[in-house]
């Protein structure tokens, strides 16, 4: 896919591993050495990062709504994540074909 980045650009080091589910860790391990990610992988990583940010927020102890929202925004508004999402939307909902010139 054009423009897809690697794992570190989407999963930031500010998300401690303790807040990643086993499934998320498996996904990260599977794709971390790839030079390019598919849109599906990129979108799954974004969801994993957002979910982990929420898990960190709900964990007892230091909580910062501002930090959590900033982290989630950083992930979901990442230019590669947004581009991957739009590509997937276009694939799922192709534009309607122009009306035929010949009548019915």
PDB file of N, CA and C in Angstrom:
ATOM      1  N   UNK A   1       0.840  -1.181   0.000  1.00  0.00           N
ATOM      2  CA  UNK A   1       0.000   0.000   0.000  1.00  0.00           C
ATOM      3  C   UNK A   1       0.887   1.247   0.000  1.00  0.00           C
ATOM      4  N   UNK A   2       0.577   2.224  -0.765  1.00  0.00           N
ATOM      5  CA  UNK A   2       1.404   3.419  -0.813  1.00  0.00           C
ATOM      6  C   UNK A   2       1.330   4.211   0.482  1.00  0.00           C
ATOM      7  N   UNK A   3       2.496   4.619   0.956  1.00  0.00           N
ATOM      8  CA  UNK A   3       2.534   5.524   2.098  1.00  0.00           C
ATOM      9  C   UNK A   3       2.376   4.885   3.456  1.00  0.00           C
ATOM     10  N   UNK A   4       2.227   3.556   3.548  1.00  0.00           N
ATOM     11  CA  UNK A   4       2.058   2.928   4.848  1.00  0.00           C
ATOM     12  C   UNK A   4       3.392   2.896   5.573  1.00  0.00           C
ATOM     13  N   UNK A   5       3.334   3.170   6.844  1.00  0.00           N
ATOM     14  CA  UNK A   5       4.543   3.261   7.649  1.00  0.00           C
ATOM     15  C   UNK A   5       4.785   1.979   8.429  1.00  0.00           C
ATOM     16  N   UNK A   6       5.820   1.996   9.220  1.00  0.00           N
ATOM     17  CA  UNK A   6       6.170   0.854  10.042  1.00  0.00           C
ATOM     18  C   UNK A   6       5.521   0.990  11.417  1.00  0.00           C
ATOM     19  N   UNK A   7       5.614  -0.050  12.214  1.00  0.00           N
ATOM     20  CA  UNK A   7       4.970  -0.097  13.522  1.00  0.00           C
ATOM     21  C   UNK A   7       5.352   1.073  14.429  1.00  0.00           C
ATOM     22  N   UNK A   8       6.630   1.425  14.583  1.00  0.00           N
ATOM     23  CA  UNK A   8       6.956   2.493  15.535  1.00  0.00           C
ATOM     24  C   UNK A   8       6.285   3.832  15.249  1.00  0.00           C
ATOM     25  N   UNK A   9       5.957   4.108  14.001  1.00  0.00           N
ATOM     26  CA  UNK A   9       5.325   5.397  13.712  1.00  0.00           C
ATOM     27  C   UNK A   9       3.863   5.433  14.142  1.00  0.00           C
ATOM     28  N   UNK A  10       3.267   4.268  14.377  1.00  0.00           N
ATOM     29  CA  UNK A  10       1.869   4.214  14.788  1.00  0.00           C
ATOM     30  C   UNK A  10       1.753   3.872  16.265  1.00  0.00           C
ATOM     31  N   UNK A  11       2.490   2.865  16.710  1.00  0.00           N
ATOM     32  CA  UNK A  11       2.505   2.486  18.122  1.00  0.00           C
ATOM     33  C   UNK A  11       3.680   3.207  18.757  1.00  0.00           C
ATOM     34  N   UNK A  12       3.365   4.220  19.486  1.00  0.00           N
ATOM     35  CA  UNK A  12       4.373   5.077  20.094  1.00  0.00           C
ATOM     36  C   UNK A  12       4.898   4.446  21.379  1.00  0.00           C
ATOM     37  N   UNK A  13       6.108   4.773  21.742  1.00  0.00           N
ATOM     38  CA  UNK A  13       6.701   4.241  22.970  1.00  0.00           C
ATOM     39  C   UNK A  13       6.009   4.780  24.223  1.00  0.00           C
ATOM     40  N   UNK A  14       5.126   5.766  24.076  1.00  0.00           N
ATOM     41  CA  UNK A  14       4.409   6.292  25.242  1.00  0.00           C
ATOM     42  C   UNK A  14       3.292   5.349  25.702  1.00  0.00           C
ATOM     43  N   UNK A  15       3.039   4.278  24.968  1.00  0.00           N
ATOM     44  CA  UNK A  15       2.046   3.291  25.371  1.00  0.00           C
ATOM     45  C   UNK A  15       2.782   2.113  25.997  1.00  0.00           C
ATOM     46  N   UNK A  16       2.759   2.007  27.326  1.00  0.00           N
ATOM     47  CA  UNK A  16       3.474   0.910  27.984  1.00  0.00           C
ATOM     48  C   UNK A  16       2.911  -0.444  27.568  1.00  0.00           C
ATOM     49  N   UNK A  17       3.787  -1.418  27.391  1.00  0.00           N
ATOM     50  CA  UNK A  17       3.398  -2.755  26.942  1.00  0.00           C
ATOM     51  C   UNK A  17       2.408  -3.412  27.897  1.00  0.00           C
ATOM     52  N   UNK A  18       2.432  -3.045  29.158  1.00  0.00           N
ATOM     53  CA  UNK A  18       1.528  -3.677  30.128  1.00  0.00           C
ATOM     54  C   UNK A  18       0.050  -3.426  29.805  1.00  0.00           C
ATOM     55  N   UNK A  19      -0.230  -2.429  28.988  1.00  0.00           N
ATOM     56  CA  UNK A  19      -1.613  -2.107  28.642  1.00  0.00           C
ATOM     57  C   UNK A  19      -2.036  -2.692  27.293  1.00  0.00           C
ATOM     58  N   UNK A  20      -1.153  -3.445  26.678  1.00  0.00           N
ATOM     59  CA  UNK A  20      -1.477  -4.113  25.414  1.00  0.00           C
ATOM     60  C   UNK A  20      -2.013  -5.510  25.711  1.00  0.00           C
ATOM     61  N   UNK A  21      -3.086  -5.894  25.039  1.00  0.00           N
ATOM     62  CA  UNK A  21      -3.631  -7.234  25.210  1.00  0.00           C
ATOM     63  C   UNK A  21      -2.677  -8.245  24.583  1.00  0.00           C
ATOM     64  N   UNK A  22      -2.804  -9.517  24.960  1.00  0.00           N
ATOM     65  CA  UNK A  22      -1.963 -10.534  24.318  1.00  0.00           C
ATOM     66  C   UNK A  22      -2.142 -10.544  22.798  1.00  0.00           C
ATOM     67  N   UNK A  23      -3.378 -10.346  22.330  1.00  0.00           N
ATOM     68  CA  UNK A  23      -3.633 -10.312  20.894  1.00  0.00           C
ATOM     69  C   UNK A  23      -2.913  -9.139  20.229  1.00  0.00           C
ATOM     70  N   UNK A  24      -2.905  -7.995  20.917  1.00  0.00           N
ATOM     71  CA  UNK A  24      -2.214  -6.818  20.392  1.00  0.00           C
ATOM     72  C   UNK A  24      -0.715  -7.071  20.319  1.00  0.00           C
ATOM     73  N   UNK A  25      -0.168  -7.698  21.337  1.00  0.00           N
ATOM     74  CA  UNK A  25       1.269  -8.019  21.340  1.00  0.00           C
ATOM     75  C   UNK A  25       1.614  -8.966  20.199  1.00  0.00           C
ATOM     76  N   UNK A  26       0.727  -9.929  19.944  1.00  0.00           N
ATOM     77  CA  UNK A  26       0.946 -10.867  18.842  1.00  0.00           C
ATOM     78  C   UNK A  26       0.939 -10.130  17.510  1.00  0.00           C
ATOM     79  N   UNK A  27      -0.030  -9.235  17.325  1.00  0.00           N
ATOM     80  CA  UNK A  27      -0.095  -8.442  16.095  1.00  0.00           C
ATOM     81  C   UNK A  27       1.185  -7.630  15.911  1.00  0.00           C
ATOM     82  N   UNK A  28       1.609  -6.950  16.956  1.00  0.00           N
ATOM     83  CA  UNK A  28       2.812  -6.111  16.875  1.00  0.00           C
ATOM     84  C   UNK A  28       4.035  -6.971  16.542  1.00  0.00           C
ATOM     85  N   UNK A  29       4.150  -8.119  17.199  1.00  0.00           N
ATOM     86  CA  UNK A  29       5.288  -9.007  16.922  1.00  0.00           C
ATOM     87  C   UNK A  29       5.280  -9.487  15.475  1.00  0.00           C
ATOM     88  N   UNK A  30       4.075  -9.731  14.945  1.00  0.00           N
ATOM     89  CA  UNK A  30       3.958 -10.234  13.574  1.00  0.00           C
ATOM     90  C   UNK A  30       4.353  -9.195  12.535  1.00  0.00           C
ATOM     91  N   UNK A  31       4.086  -7.918  12.800  1.00  0.00           N
ATOM     92  CA  UNK A  31       4.305  -6.900  11.769  1.00  0.00           C
ATOM     93  C   UNK A  31       5.479  -5.958  12.042  1.00  0.00           C
ATOM     94  N   UNK A  32       6.113  -6.090  13.193  1.00  0.00           N
ATOM     95  CA  UNK A  32       7.112  -5.081  13.568  1.00  0.00           C
ATOM     96  C   UNK A  32       8.333  -5.023  12.653  1.00  0.00           C
ATOM     97  N   UNK A  33       8.627  -6.084  11.926  1.00  0.00           N
ATOM     98  CA  UNK A  33       9.797  -6.072  11.047  1.00  0.00           C
ATOM     99  C   UNK A  33       9.443  -5.797   9.584  1.00  0.00           C
ATOM    100  N   UNK A  34       8.179  -5.551   9.318  1.00  0.00           N
ATOM    101  CA  UNK A  34       7.768  -5.271   7.946  1.00  0.00           C
ATOM    102  C   UNK A  34       8.136  -3.837   7.595  1.00  0.00           C
ATOM    103  N   UNK A  35       8.574  -3.643   6.367  1.00  0.00           N
ATOM    104  CA  UNK A  35       8.938  -2.294   5.949  1.00  0.00           C
ATOM    105  C   UNK A  35       7.707  -1.477   5.573  1.00  0.00           C
ATOM    106  N   UNK A  36       6.666  -2.144   5.117  1.00  0.00           N
ATOM    107  CA  UNK A  36       5.406  -1.475   4.787  1.00  0.00           C
ATOM    108  C   UNK A  36       4.269  -2.294   5.375  1.00  0.00           C
ATOM    109  N   UNK A  37       3.275  -1.598   5.877  1.00  0.00           N
ATOM    110  CA  UNK A  37       2.110  -2.252   6.449  1.00  0.00           C
ATOM    111  C   UNK A  37       0.929  -2.124   5.504  1.00  0.00           C
ATOM    112  N   UNK A  38       0.084  -3.137   5.492  1.00  0.00           N
ATOM    113  CA  UNK A  38      -1.149  -3.035   4.720  1.00  0.00           C
ATOM    114  C   UNK A  38      -2.082  -2.066   5.451  1.00  0.00           C
ATOM    115  N   UNK A  39      -3.096  -1.600   4.749  1.00  0.00           N
ATOM    116  CA  UNK A  39      -4.072  -0.723   5.392  1.00  0.00           C
ATOM    117  C   UNK A  39      -4.720  -1.424   6.574  1.00  0.00           C
ATOM    118  N   UNK A  40      -5.048  -2.694   6.407  1.00  0.00           N
ATOM    119  CA  UNK A  40      -5.681  -3.455   7.488  1.00  0.00           C
ATOM    120  C   UNK A  40      -4.775  -3.508   8.715  1.00  0.00           C
ATOM    121  N   UNK A  41      -3.503  -3.799   8.513  1.00  0.00           N
ATOM    122  CA  UNK A  41      -2.560  -3.851   9.633  1.00  0.00           C
ATOM    123  C   UNK A  41      -2.433  -2.487  10.296  1.00  0.00           C
ATOM    124  N   UNK A  42      -2.340  -1.455   9.492  1.00  0.00           N
ATOM    125  CA  UNK A  42      -2.202  -0.099  10.016  1.00  0.00           C
ATOM    126  C   UNK A  42      -3.419   0.299  10.844  1.00  0.00           C
ATOM    127  N   UNK A  43      -4.608  -0.010  10.346  1.00  0.00           N
ATOM    128  CA  UNK A  43      -5.828   0.332  11.080  1.00  0.00           C
ATOM    129  C   UNK A  43      -5.962  -0.495  12.360  1.00  0.00           C
ATOM    130  N   UNK A  44      -5.572  -1.760  12.303  1.00  0.00           N
ATOM    131  CA  UNK A  44      -5.607  -2.577  13.523  1.00  0.00           C
ATOM    132  C   UNK A  44      -4.625  -2.041  14.563  1.00  0.00           C
ATOM    133  N   UNK A  45      -3.441  -1.631  14.130  1.00  0.00           N
ATOM    134  CA  UNK A  45      -2.466  -1.064  15.067  1.00  0.00           C
ATOM    135  C   UNK A  45      -2.981   0.230  15.697  1.00  0.00           C
ATOM    136  N   UNK A  46      -3.652   1.037  14.907  1.00  0.00           N
ATOM    137  CA  UNK A  46      -4.211   2.280  15.445  1.00  0.00           C
ATOM    138  C   UNK A  46      -5.251   1.973  16.519  1.00  0.00           C
ATOM    139  N   UNK A  47      -6.093   0.988  16.253  1.00  0.00           N
ATOM    140  CA  UNK A  47      -7.107   0.611  17.243  1.00  0.00           C
ATOM    141  C   UNK A  47      -6.457   0.037  18.492  1.00  0.00           C
ATOM    142  N   UNK A  48      -5.413  -0.761  18.320  1.00  0.00           N
ATOM    143  CA  UNK A  48      -4.670  -1.336  19.442  1.00  0.00           C
ATOM    144  C   UNK A  48      -4.083  -0.210  20.302  1.00  0.00           C
ATOM    145  N   UNK A  49      -3.498   0.777  19.656  1.00  0.00           N
ATOM    146  CA  UNK A  49      -2.887   1.890  20.392  1.00  0.00           C
ATOM    147  C   UNK A  49      -3.941   2.704  21.128  1.00  0.00           C
ATOM    148  N   UNK A  50      -5.066   2.975  20.479  1.00  0.00           N
ATOM    149  CA  UNK A  50      -6.134   3.747  21.131  1.00  0.00           C
ATOM    150  C   UNK A  50      -6.707   2.963  22.307  1.00  0.00           C
ATOM    151  N   UNK A  51      -6.906   1.671  22.126  1.00  0.00           N
ATOM    152  CA  UNK A  51      -7.431   0.835  23.202  1.00  0.00           C
ATOM    153  C   UNK A  51      -6.455   0.793  24.381  1.00  0.00           C
ATOM    154  N   UNK A  52      -5.167   0.675  24.095  1.00  0.00           N
ATOM    155  CA  UNK A  52      -4.163   0.643  25.154  1.00  0.00           C
ATOM    156  C   UNK A  52      -4.119   1.978  25.902  1.00  0.00           C
ATOM    157  N   UNK A  53      -4.287   3.084  25.188  1.00  0.00           N
ATOM    158  CA  UNK A  53      -4.314   4.395  25.839  1.00  0.00           C
ATOM    159  C   UNK A  53      -5.491   4.490  26.803  1.00  0.00           C
ATOM    160  N   UNK A  54      -6.644   3.961  26.391  1.00  0.00           N
ATOM    161  CA  UNK A  54      -7.803   3.949  27.289  1.00  0.00           C
ATOM    162  C   UNK A  54      -7.574   3.033  28.483  1.00  0.00           C
ATOM    163  N   UNK A  55      -6.963   1.886  28.251  1.00  0.00           N
ATOM    164  CA  UNK A  55      -6.667   0.959  29.349  1.00  0.00           C
ATOM    165  C   UNK A  55      -5.741   1.618  30.361  1.00  0.00           C
ATOM    166  N   UNK A  56      -4.765   2.365  29.871  1.00  0.00           N
ATOM    167  CA  UNK A  56      -3.855   3.080  30.774  1.00  0.00           C
ATOM    168  C   UNK A  56      -4.619   4.110  31.587  1.00  0.00           C
ATOM    169  N   UNK A  57      -5.554   4.805  30.956  1.00  0.00           N
ATOM    170  CA  UNK A  57      -6.339   5.817  31.657  1.00  0.00           C
ATOM    171  C   UNK A  57      -7.211   5.191  32.746  1.00  0.00           C
ATOM    172  N   UNK A  58      -7.837   4.053  32.448  1.00  0.00           N
ATOM    173  CA  UNK A  58      -8.730   3.404  33.408  1.00  0.00           C
ATOM    174  C   UNK A  58      -7.987   2.681  34.517  1.00  0.00           C
ATOM    175  N   UNK A  59      -6.705   2.453  34.326  1.00  0.00           N
ATOM    176  CA  UNK A  59      -5.893   1.787  35.346  1.00  0.00           C
ATOM    177  C   UNK A  59      -5.767   2.708  36.564  1.00  0.00           C
ATOM    178  N   UNK A  60      -5.907   2.150  37.786  1.00  0.00           N
ATOM    179  CA  UNK A  60      -5.765   2.998  38.983  1.00  0.00           C
ATOM    180  C   UNK A  60      -4.400   3.682  39.031  1.00  0.00           C
ATOM    181  N   UNK A  61      -4.390   4.856  39.552  1.00  0.00           N
ATOM    182  CA  UNK A  61      -3.149   5.623  39.664  1.00  0.00           C
ATOM    183  C   UNK A  61      -3.267   6.939  38.940  1.00  0.00           C
ATOM    184  N   UNK A  62      -2.138   7.406  38.461  1.00  0.00           N
ATOM    185  CA  UNK A  62      -2.103   8.695  37.755  1.00  0.00           C
ATOM    186  C   UNK A  62      -3.003   8.642  36.526  1.00  0.00           C
ATOM    187  N   UNK A  63      -3.935   9.587  36.454  1.00  0.00           N
ATOM    188  CA  UNK A  63      -4.830   9.685  35.303  1.00  0.00           C
ATOM    189  C   UNK A  63      -4.796  11.102  34.766  1.00  0.00           C
ATOM    190  N   UNK A  64      -4.730  11.192  33.480  1.00  0.00           N
ATOM    191  CA  UNK A  64      -4.790  12.491  32.834  1.00  0.00           C
ATOM    192  C   UNK A  64      -5.645  12.364  31.583  1.00  0.00           C
ATOM    193  N   UNK A  65      -6.827  12.955  31.639  1.00  0.00           N
ATOM    194  CA  UNK A  65      -7.707  12.925  30.470  1.00  0.00           C
ATOM    195  C   UNK A  65      -7.045  13.633  29.295  1.00  0.00           C
ATOM    196  N   UNK A  66      -6.351  14.736  29.576  1.00  0.00           N
ATOM    197  CA  UNK A  66      -5.683  15.470  28.495  1.00  0.00           C
ATOM    198  C   UNK A  66      -4.626  14.612  27.805  1.00  0.00           C
ATOM    199  N   UNK A  67      -3.794  13.935  28.592  1.00  0.00           N
ATOM    200  CA  UNK A  67      -2.763  13.075  28.002  1.00  0.00           C
ATOM    201  C   UNK A  67      -3.393  11.952  27.187  1.00  0.00           C
ATOM    202  N   UNK A  68      -4.449  11.355  27.733  1.00  0.00           N
ATOM    203  CA  UNK A  68      -5.110  10.246  27.047  1.00  0.00           C
ATOM    204  C   UNK A  68      -5.713  10.700  25.725  1.00  0.00           C
ATOM    205  N   UNK A  69      -6.446  11.812  25.750  1.00  0.00           N
ATOM    206  CA  UNK A  69      -7.046  12.317  24.508  1.00  0.00           C
ATOM    207  C   UNK A  69      -5.986  12.730  23.498  1.00  0.00           C
ATOM    208  N   UNK A  70      -4.903  13.331  23.982  1.00  0.00           N
ATOM    209  CA  UNK A  70      -3.822  13.713  23.071  1.00  0.00           C
ATOM    210  C   UNK A  70      -3.191  12.486  22.418  1.00  0.00           C
ATOM    211  N   UNK A  71      -2.996  11.425  23.198  1.00  0.00           N
ATOM    212  CA  UNK A  71      -2.396  10.209  22.656  1.00  0.00           C
ATOM    213  C   UNK A  71      -3.332   9.560  21.641  1.00  0.00           C
ATOM    214  N   UNK A  72      -4.603   9.447  21.985  1.00  0.00           N
ATOM    215  CA  UNK A  72      -5.571   8.858  21.058  1.00  0.00           C
ATOM    216  C   UNK A  72      -5.664   9.708  19.792  1.00  0.00           C
ATOM    217  N   UNK A  73      -5.692  11.016  19.965  1.00  0.00           N
ATOM    218  CA  UNK A  73      -5.730  11.906  18.798  1.00  0.00           C
ATOM    219  C   UNK A  73      -4.485  11.766  17.940  1.00  0.00           C
ATOM    220  N   UNK A  74      -3.331  11.634  18.586  1.00  0.00           N
ATOM    221  CA  UNK A  74      -2.059  11.467  17.869  1.00  0.00           C
ATOM    222  C   UNK A  74      -2.109  10.209  17.002  1.00  0.00           C
ATOM    223  N   UNK A  75      -2.692   9.145  17.537  1.00  0.00           N
ATOM    224  CA  UNK A  75      -2.762   7.876  16.812  1.00  0.00           C
ATOM    225  C   UNK A  75      -3.801   7.944  15.699  1.00  0.00           C
ATOM    226  N   UNK A  76      -5.024   8.343  16.047  1.00  0.00           N
ATOM    227  CA  UNK A  76      -6.114   8.294  15.072  1.00  0.00           C
ATOM    228  C   UNK A  76      -6.007   9.373  14.006  1.00  0.00           C
ATOM    229  N   UNK A  77      -5.306  10.451  14.304  1.00  0.00           N
ATOM    230  CA  UNK A  77      -5.158  11.526  13.325  1.00  0.00           C
ATOM    231  C   UNK A  77      -3.822  11.428  12.578  1.00  0.00           C
ATOM    232  N   UNK A  78      -3.089  10.354  12.796  1.00  0.00           N
ATOM    233  CA  UNK A  78      -1.820  10.116  12.099  1.00  0.00           C
ATOM    234  C   UNK A  78      -2.109  10.094  10.596  1.00  0.00           C
ATOM    235  N   UNK A  79      -1.338  10.797   9.811  1.00  0.00           N
ATOM    236  CA  UNK A  79      -1.639  10.932   8.383  1.00  0.00           C
ATOM    237  C   UNK A  79      -1.745   9.589   7.668  1.00  0.00           C
ATOM    238  N   UNK A  80      -0.941   8.613   8.055  1.00  0.00           N
ATOM    239  CA  UNK A  80      -1.006   7.307   7.406  1.00  0.00           C
ATOM    240  C   UNK A  80      -2.257   6.529   7.809  1.00  0.00           C
ATOM    241  N   UNK A  81      -2.692   6.700   9.056  1.00  0.00           N
ATOM    242  CA  UNK A  81      -3.911   6.040   9.515  1.00  0.00           C
ATOM    243  C   UNK A  81      -5.124   6.624   8.793  1.00  0.00           C
ATOM    244  N   UNK A  82      -5.169   7.930   8.695  1.00  0.00           N
ATOM    245  CA  UNK A  82      -6.277   8.598   8.003  1.00  0.00           C
ATOM    246  C   UNK A  82      -6.305   8.185   6.531  1.00  0.00           C
ATOM    247  N   UNK A  83      -5.146   8.167   5.885  1.00  0.00           N
ATOM    248  CA  UNK A  83      -5.086   7.776   4.471  1.00  0.00           C
ATOM    249  C   UNK A  83      -5.541   6.327   4.291  1.00  0.00           C
ATOM    250  N   UNK A  84      -5.109   5.441   5.186  1.00  0.00           N
ATOM    251  CA  UNK A  84      -5.515   4.038   5.101  1.00  0.00           C
ATOM    252  C   UNK A  84      -7.024   3.894   5.288  1.00  0.00           C
ATOM    253  N   UNK A  85      -7.568   4.649   6.218  1.00  0.00           N
ATOM    254  CA  UNK A  85      -9.007   4.606   6.451  1.00  0.00           C
ATOM    255  C   UNK A  85      -9.775   5.058   5.214  1.00  0.00           C
ATOM    256  N   UNK A  86      -9.353   6.158   4.608  1.00  0.00           N
ATOM    257  CA  UNK A  86     -10.040   6.655   3.417  1.00  0.00           C
ATOM    258  C   UNK A  86      -9.926   5.674   2.251  1.00  0.00           C
ATOM    259  N   UNK A  87      -8.763   5.023   2.101  1.00  0.00           N
ATOM    260  CA  UNK A  87      -8.621   4.025   1.039  1.00  0.00           C
ATOM    261  C   UNK A  87      -9.596   2.863   1.273  1.00  0.00           C
ATOM    262  N   UNK A  88      -9.706   2.443   2.518  1.00  0.00           N
ATOM    263  CA  UNK A  88     -10.613   1.340   2.831  1.00  0.00           C
ATOM    264  C   UNK A  88     -12.071   1.732   2.616  1.00  0.00           C
ATOM    265  N   UNK A  89     -12.420   2.944   2.970  1.00  0.00           N
ATOM    266  CA  UNK A  89     -13.786   3.425   2.750  1.00  0.00           C
ATOM    267  C   UNK A  89     -14.099   3.428   1.258  1.00  0.00           C
ATOM    268  N   UNK A  90     -13.164   3.925   0.460  1.00  0.00           N
ATOM    269  CA  UNK A  90     -13.382   3.960  -0.996  1.00  0.00           C
ATOM    270  C   UNK A  90     -13.533   2.560  -1.572  1.00  0.00           C
ATOM    271  N   UNK A  91     -12.794   1.597  -1.032  1.00  0.00           N
ATOM    272  CA  UNK A  91     -12.898   0.219  -1.520  1.00  0.00           C
ATOM    273  C   UNK A  91     -14.240  -0.400  -1.137  1.00  0.00           C
ATOM    274  N   UNK A  92     -14.745  -0.055   0.030  1.00  0.00           N
ATOM    275  CA  UNK A  92     -16.006  -0.616   0.507  1.00  0.00           C
ATOM    276  C   UNK A  92     -17.209   0.042  -0.160  1.00  0.00           C
ATOM    277  N   UNK A  93     -17.082   1.296  -0.503  1.00  0.00           N
ATOM    278  CA  UNK A  93     -18.206   2.049  -1.053  1.00  0.00           C
ATOM    279  C   UNK A  93     -17.752   2.757  -2.328  1.00  0.00           C
ATOM    280  N   UNK A  94     -17.576   1.989  -3.415  1.00  0.00           N
ATOM    281  CA  UNK A  94     -17.097   2.619  -4.646  1.00  0.00           C
ATOM    282  C   UNK A  94     -18.103   3.651  -5.154  1.00  0.00           C
ATOM    283  N   UNK A  95     -17.613   4.677  -5.824  1.00  0.00           N
ATOM    284  CA  UNK A  95     -18.531   5.696  -6.347  1.00  0.00           C
ATOM    285  C   UNK A  95     -19.493   5.067  -7.348  1.00  0.00           C
ATOM    286  N   UNK A  96     -20.676   5.643  -7.400  1.00  0.00           N
ATOM    287  CA  UNK A  96     -21.674   5.138  -8.343  1.00  0.00           C
ATOM    288  C   UNK A  96     -21.204   5.395  -9.769  1.00  0.00           C
ATOM    289  N   UNK A  97     -21.543   4.462 -10.639  1.00  0.00           N
ATOM    290  CA  UNK A  97     -21.198   4.615 -12.055  1.00  0.00           C
ATOM    291  C   UNK A  97     -22.049   5.746 -12.647  1.00  0.00           C
ATOM    292  N   UNK A  98     -21.477   6.507 -13.542  1.00  0.00           N
ATOM    293  CA  UNK A  98     -22.256   7.573 -14.173  1.00  0.00           C
ATOM    294  C   UNK A  98     -23.436   6.969 -14.939  1.00  0.00           C
ATOM    295  N   UNK A  99     -24.534   7.689 -15.024  1.00  0.00           N
ATOM    296  CA  UNK A  99     -25.698   7.153 -15.739  1.00  0.00           C
ATOM    297  C   UNK A  99     -25.332   6.884 -17.204  1.00  0.00           C
ATOM    298  N   UNK A 100     -25.944   5.858 -17.723  1.00  0.00           N
ATOM    299  CA  UNK A 100     -25.712   5.472 -19.112  1.00  0.00           C
ATOM    300  C   UNK A 100     -26.348   6.493 -20.047  1.00  0.00           C
ATOM    301  N   UNK A 101     -25.678   6.765 -21.149  1.00  0.00           N
ATOM    302  CA  UNK A 101     -26.226   7.703 -22.148  1.00  0.00           C
ATOM    303  C   UNK A 101     -27.411   7.057 -22.845  1.00  0.00           C
ATOM    304  N   UNK A 102     -27.283   5.765 -23.104  1.00  0.00           N
ATOM    305  CA  UNK A 102     -28.394   5.061 -23.765  1.00  0.00           C
ATOM    306  C   UNK A 102     -29.520   4.876 -22.771  1.00  0.00           C
ATOM    307  N   UNK A 103     -30.709   5.142 -23.182  1.00  0.00           N
ATOM    308  CA  UNK A 103     -31.875   5.010 -22.314  1.00  0.00           C
ATOM    309  C   UNK A 103     -32.221   3.571 -22.024  1.00  0.00           C
ATOM    310  N   UNK A 104     -33.150   3.353 -21.111  1.00  0.00           N
ATOM    311  CA  UNK A 104     -33.554   1.987 -20.765  1.00  0.00           C
ATOM    312  C   UNK A 104     -34.254   1.264 -21.874  1.00  0.00           C
TER     313      UNK A 104
END
